[in-house]
Amino acid sequence: MSSERPNNGWVIWATLLVALLLSVAPLPGNLDLIRPLWLGLVAAYWALALPHRGGMALAWGFGLLLDVLSGTLLGLNGIPLALIVFLVLNLQQRLRMFPLWQQAMVLMVILGIAQLVLLWLNTLAGNRPPTLLFLVPVLTSSILWFWLYLALHWLRRRFDVY
């Protein structure tokens, strides 16, 4: 009885690392308000495409790394990222049947819930944003889902990640 080891797991780690760097890269002016939720999108893709490889612990760990790099309280980004992956894993069978535009709509709701949890955690920490502009990244993330899905799907096929 031979057990096959999953191959090319470094691609998952590399894409999450690039998403982490895109999440903390400085942007000019007010473009930071529309920054997509890169880490949430990439974690959602891997949870959707390979549910046995992209789990909540991985999302939690990269959320903690995001907390360290951005200088926020530990767990502030880890909890919403783990929530995103949890919801995607629960809806995974249904989401895979949807066309990409419907996946983007469901992800908009999931990312919106995660942003509301992040708002709640920020309020508990004492730094609540004064306006509803914290929801703008949800819209930009759902718009980018189509292209990100295609790029990550191509990478998965190219490097035979399973």
C-alpha atoms as a PDB file:
ATOM      1  CA  MET A   1       0.000   0.000   0.000  1.00  0.00           C
ATOM      2  CA  SER A   2       1.634   3.193  -1.135  1.00  0.00           C
ATOM      3  CA  SER A   3       0.639   6.568   0.115  1.00  0.00           C
ATOM      4  CA  GLU A   4       0.931   9.394  -2.344  1.00  0.00           C
ATOM      5  CA  ARG A   5       2.358  12.576  -0.937  1.00  0.00           C
ATOM      6  CA  PRO A   6       0.857  15.829  -2.137  1.00  0.00           C
ATOM      7  CA  ASN A   7       3.302  17.556  -4.420  1.00  0.00           C
ATOM      8  CA  ASN A   8       4.323  21.133  -4.986  1.00  0.00           C
ATOM      9  CA  GLY A   9       2.893  22.475  -1.749  1.00  0.00           C
ATOM     10  CA  TRP A  10       5.387  25.307  -2.033  1.00  0.00           C
ATOM     11  CA  VAL A  11       3.091  26.914  -4.641  1.00  0.00           C
ATOM     12  CA  ILE A  12       0.371  27.359  -1.999  1.00  0.00           C
ATOM     13  CA  TRP A  13       2.868  28.871   0.438  1.00  0.00           C
ATOM     14  CA  ALA A  14       4.359  31.116  -2.266  1.00  0.00           C
ATOM     15  CA  THR A  15       0.972  32.488  -3.338  1.00  0.00           C
ATOM     16  CA  LEU A  16       0.012  33.159   0.269  1.00  0.00           C
ATOM     17  CA  LEU A  17       3.351  34.888   0.831  1.00  0.00           C
ATOM     18  CA  VAL A  18       2.829  37.100  -2.242  1.00  0.00           C
ATOM     19  CA  ALA A  19      -0.691  37.912  -0.980  1.00  0.00           C
ATOM     20  CA  LEU A  20       0.788  38.786   2.415  1.00  0.00           C
ATOM     21  CA  LEU A  21       3.289  41.131   0.789  1.00  0.00           C
ATOM     22  CA  LEU A  22       0.563  42.739  -1.332  1.00  0.00           C
ATOM     23  CA  SER A  23      -1.465  43.252   1.844  1.00  0.00           C
ATOM     24  CA  VAL A  24       1.255  45.289   3.552  1.00  0.00           C
ATOM     25  CA  ALA A  25       2.838  47.022   0.548  1.00  0.00           C
ATOM     26  CA  PRO A  26       2.546  50.816   0.829  1.00  0.00           C
ATOM     27  CA  LEU A  27       0.143  52.483  -1.584  1.00  0.00           C
ATOM     28  CA  PRO A  28       0.128  56.152  -2.572  1.00  0.00           C
ATOM     29  CA  GLY A  29      -2.511  58.547  -1.336  1.00  0.00           C
ATOM     30  CA  ASN A  30      -5.919  57.186  -0.518  1.00  0.00           C
ATOM     31  CA  LEU A  31      -5.513  54.003  -2.571  1.00  0.00           C
ATOM     32  CA  ASP A  32      -5.130  52.137   0.693  1.00  0.00           C
ATOM     33  CA  LEU A  33      -8.908  52.500   1.132  1.00  0.00           C
ATOM     34  CA  ILE A  34      -9.587  50.316  -1.923  1.00  0.00           C
ATOM     35  CA  ARG A  35      -6.843  47.732  -1.325  1.00  0.00           C
ATOM     36  CA  PRO A  36      -8.292  44.280  -2.018  1.00  0.00           C
ATOM     37  CA  LEU A  37      -8.259  41.670   0.717  1.00  0.00           C
ATOM     38  CA  TRP A  38      -5.460  39.732  -0.973  1.00  0.00           C
ATOM     39  CA  LEU A  39      -4.817  37.267   1.804  1.00  0.00           C
ATOM     40  CA  GLY A  40      -8.512  36.491   2.204  1.00  0.00           C
ATOM     41  CA  LEU A  41      -8.940  35.940  -1.532  1.00  0.00           C
ATOM     42  CA  VAL A  42      -5.944  33.637  -1.899  1.00  0.00           C
ATOM     43  CA  ALA A  43      -6.857  31.668   1.232  1.00  0.00           C
ATOM     44  CA  ALA A  44     -10.427  31.357  -0.065  1.00  0.00           C
ATOM     45  CA  TYR A  45      -9.168  30.067  -3.412  1.00  0.00           C
ATOM     46  CA  TRP A  46      -7.021  27.355  -1.845  1.00  0.00           C
ATOM     47  CA  ALA A  47      -9.824  26.357   0.505  1.00  0.00           C
ATOM     48  CA  LEU A  48     -12.153  26.128  -2.492  1.00  0.00           C
ATOM     49  CA  ALA A  49      -9.777  24.378  -4.885  1.00  0.00           C
ATOM     50  CA  LEU A  50      -7.987  22.061  -2.445  1.00  0.00           C
ATOM     51  CA  PRO A  51      -9.995  21.837   0.777  1.00  0.00           C
ATOM     52  CA  HIS A  52      -7.639  19.223   2.217  1.00  0.00           C
ATOM     53  CA  ARG A  53      -4.616  21.525   1.791  1.00  0.00           C
ATOM     54  CA  GLY A  54      -5.878  25.068   2.442  1.00  0.00           C
ATOM     55  CA  GLY A  55      -7.137  24.948   5.994  1.00  0.00           C
ATOM     56  CA  MET A  56      -8.027  27.246   8.838  1.00  0.00           C
ATOM     57  CA  ALA A  57      -4.677  26.794  10.599  1.00  0.00           C
ATOM     58  CA  LEU A  58      -2.850  28.059   7.521  1.00  0.00           C
ATOM     59  CA  ALA A  59      -5.144  31.101   7.329  1.00  0.00           C
ATOM     60  CA  TRP A  60      -4.748  31.748  11.058  1.00  0.00           C
ATOM     61  CA  GLY A  61      -0.947  31.579  10.754  1.00  0.00           C
ATOM     62  CA  PHE A  62      -0.810  33.998   7.842  1.00  0.00           C
ATOM     63  CA  GLY A  63      -3.256  36.266   9.681  1.00  0.00           C
ATOM     64  CA  LEU A  64      -0.834  36.366  12.605  1.00  0.00           C
ATOM     65  CA  LEU A  65       2.006  37.180  10.197  1.00  0.00           C
ATOM     66  CA  LEU A  66      -0.123  40.018   8.810  1.00  0.00           C
ATOM     67  CA  ASP A  67      -0.670  41.254  12.365  1.00  0.00           C
ATOM     68  CA  VAL A  68       3.070  41.235  13.017  1.00  0.00           C
ATOM     69  CA  LEU A  69       3.902  43.005   9.742  1.00  0.00           C
ATOM     70  CA  SER A  70       1.188  45.638  10.113  1.00  0.00           C
ATOM     71  CA  GLY A  71       1.762  46.205  13.831  1.00  0.00           C
ATOM     72  CA  THR A  72      -1.761  45.399  14.995  1.00  0.00           C
ATOM     73  CA  LEU A  73      -2.921  43.278  17.914  1.00  0.00           C
ATOM     74  CA  LEU A  74      -2.172  39.587  17.497  1.00  0.00           C
ATOM     75  CA  GLY A  75      -5.236  37.774  16.213  1.00  0.00           C
ATOM     76  CA  LEU A  76      -6.904  40.875  14.810  1.00  0.00           C
ATOM     77  CA  ASN A  77      -6.445  39.649  11.218  1.00  0.00           C
ATOM     78  CA  GLY A  78      -6.155  35.958  12.043  1.00  0.00           C
ATOM     79  CA  ILE A  79      -9.733  35.620  13.266  1.00  0.00           C
ATOM     80  CA  PRO A  80     -11.386  37.084  10.119  1.00  0.00           C
ATOM     81  CA  LEU A  81      -9.086  35.046   7.842  1.00  0.00           C
ATOM     82  CA  ALA A  82      -9.910  31.828   9.685  1.00  0.00           C
ATOM     83  CA  LEU A  83     -13.601  32.777   9.433  1.00  0.00           C
ATOM     84  CA  ILE A  84     -13.280  33.269   5.657  1.00  0.00           C
ATOM     85  CA  VAL A  85     -11.707  29.841   5.232  1.00  0.00           C
ATOM     86  CA  PHE A  86     -14.247  28.246   7.574  1.00  0.00           C
ATOM     87  CA  LEU A  87     -17.188  29.634   5.597  1.00  0.00           C
ATOM     88  CA  VAL A  88     -15.623  28.713   2.241  1.00  0.00           C
ATOM     89  CA  LEU A  89     -14.939  25.175   3.468  1.00  0.00           C
ATOM     90  CA  ASN A  90     -18.537  24.844   4.637  1.00  0.00           C
ATOM     91  CA  LEU A  91     -19.884  26.079   1.292  1.00  0.00           C
ATOM     92  CA  GLN A  92     -17.187  24.426  -0.816  1.00  0.00           C
ATOM     93  CA  GLN A  93     -19.370  21.802  -2.506  1.00  0.00           C
ATOM     94  CA  ARG A  94     -21.924  24.403  -3.575  1.00  0.00           C
ATOM     95  CA  LEU A  95     -19.409  27.090  -4.528  1.00  0.00           C
ATOM     96  CA  ARG A  96     -17.574  24.786  -6.924  1.00  0.00           C
ATOM     97  CA  MET A  97     -20.760  24.364  -8.982  1.00  0.00           C
ATOM     98  CA  PHE A  98     -21.369  28.110  -9.306  1.00  0.00           C
ATOM     99  CA  PRO A  99     -20.042  30.174 -12.210  1.00  0.00           C
ATOM    100  CA  LEU A 100     -17.321  32.650 -11.297  1.00  0.00           C
ATOM    101  CA  TRP A 101     -19.640  35.654 -11.100  1.00  0.00           C
ATOM    102  CA  GLN A 102     -21.849  33.852  -8.554  1.00  0.00           C
ATOM    103  CA  GLN A 103     -18.761  32.769  -6.625  1.00  0.00           C
ATOM    104  CA  ALA A 104     -17.749  36.428  -6.521  1.00  0.00           C
ATOM    105  CA  MET A 105     -21.157  37.370  -5.101  1.00  0.00           C
ATOM    106  CA  VAL A 106     -20.959  34.701  -2.384  1.00  0.00           C
ATOM    107  CA  LEU A 107     -17.392  35.748  -1.620  1.00  0.00           C
ATOM    108  CA  MET A 108     -18.549  39.347  -1.349  1.00  0.00           C
ATOM    109  CA  VAL A 109     -20.911  38.275   1.429  1.00  0.00           C
ATOM    110  CA  ILE A 110     -18.235  36.145   3.129  1.00  0.00           C
ATOM    111  CA  LEU A 111     -15.631  38.912   2.937  1.00  0.00           C
ATOM    112  CA  GLY A 112     -18.217  41.427   4.150  1.00  0.00           C
ATOM    113  CA  ILE A 113     -18.908  39.265   7.197  1.00  0.00           C
ATOM    114  CA  ALA A 114     -15.169  39.034   7.828  1.00  0.00           C
ATOM    115  CA  GLN A 115     -14.807  42.813   7.549  1.00  0.00           C
ATOM    116  CA  LEU A 116     -17.659  43.293  10.021  1.00  0.00           C
ATOM    117  CA  VAL A 117     -15.918  40.926  12.450  1.00  0.00           C
ATOM    118  CA  LEU A 118     -12.714  42.942  11.917  1.00  0.00           C
ATOM    119  CA  LEU A 119     -14.687  46.138  12.651  1.00  0.00           C
ATOM    120  CA  TRP A 120     -16.050  44.572  15.816  1.00  0.00           C
ATOM    121  CA  LEU A 121     -12.540  43.527  16.915  1.00  0.00           C
ATOM    122  CA  ASN A 122     -11.181  46.995  16.121  1.00  0.00           C
ATOM    123  CA  THR A 123     -14.004  48.535  18.162  1.00  0.00           C
ATOM    124  CA  LEU A 124     -13.105  46.298  21.082  1.00  0.00           C
ATOM    125  CA  ALA A 125      -9.471  47.374  20.705  1.00  0.00           C
ATOM    126  CA  GLY A 126     -10.478  51.047  20.674  1.00  0.00           C
ATOM    127  CA  ASN A 127      -9.742  52.037  17.063  1.00  0.00           C
ATOM    128  CA  ARG A 128     -13.073  52.018  15.279  1.00  0.00           C
ATOM    129  CA  PRO A 129     -13.082  53.647  11.828  1.00  0.00           C
ATOM    130  CA  PRO A 130     -15.470  56.625  11.663  1.00  0.00           C
ATOM    131  CA  THR A 131     -17.138  55.696   8.345  1.00  0.00           C
ATOM    132  CA  LEU A 132     -18.305  52.701   6.359  1.00  0.00           C
ATOM    133  CA  LEU A 133     -15.313  52.924   4.013  1.00  0.00           C
ATOM    134  CA  PHE A 134     -13.935  49.738   5.565  1.00  0.00           C
ATOM    135  CA  LEU A 135     -16.376  47.843   3.311  1.00  0.00           C
ATOM    136  CA  VAL A 136     -14.898  49.199   0.046  1.00  0.00           C
ATOM    137  CA  PRO A 137     -12.164  46.497  -0.083  1.00  0.00           C
ATOM    138  CA  VAL A 138     -14.925  43.885  -0.139  1.00  0.00           C
ATOM    139  CA  LEU A 139     -16.222  45.312  -3.421  1.00  0.00           C
ATOM    140  CA  THR A 140     -12.763  45.544  -5.019  1.00  0.00           C
ATOM    141  CA  SER A 141     -11.958  42.013  -3.862  1.00  0.00           C
ATOM    142  CA  SER A 142     -15.103  40.568  -5.399  1.00  0.00           C
ATOM    143  CA  ILE A 143     -14.359  42.373  -8.664  1.00  0.00           C
ATOM    144  CA  LEU A 144     -10.839  40.911  -8.721  1.00  0.00           C
ATOM    145  CA  TRP A 145     -12.014  37.369  -7.906  1.00  0.00           C
ATOM    146  CA  PHE A 146     -12.428  36.402 -11.584  1.00  0.00           C
ATOM    147  CA  TRP A 147      -8.855  37.268 -12.556  1.00  0.00           C
ATOM    148  CA  LEU A 148      -7.316  35.961  -9.359  1.00  0.00           C
ATOM    149  CA  TYR A 149      -9.194  32.692  -9.719  1.00  0.00           C
ATOM    150  CA  LEU A 150      -7.960  32.259 -13.285  1.00  0.00           C
ATOM    151  CA  ALA A 151      -4.348  33.091 -12.351  1.00  0.00           C
ATOM    152  CA  LEU A 152      -4.274  30.731  -9.369  1.00  0.00           C
ATOM    153  CA  HIS A 153      -6.045  28.011 -11.347  1.00  0.00           C
ATOM    154  CA  TRP A 154      -3.404  28.320 -14.061  1.00  0.00           C
ATOM    155  CA  LEU A 155      -0.637  28.093 -11.431  1.00  0.00           C
ATOM    156  CA  ARG A 156      -2.267  25.036  -9.891  1.00  0.00           C
ATOM    157  CA  ARG A 157      -2.468  23.286 -13.245  1.00  0.00           C
ATOM    158  CA  ARG A 158       0.996  24.423 -14.355  1.00  0.00           C
ATOM    159  CA  PHE A 159       2.743  23.075 -11.247  1.00  0.00           C
ATOM    160  CA  ASP A 160       0.361  20.131 -10.808  1.00  0.00           C
ATOM    161  CA  VAL A 161      -0.654  20.990  -7.268  1.00  0.00           C
ATOM    162  CA  TYR A 162      -3.144  18.535  -5.835  1.00  0.00           C
END
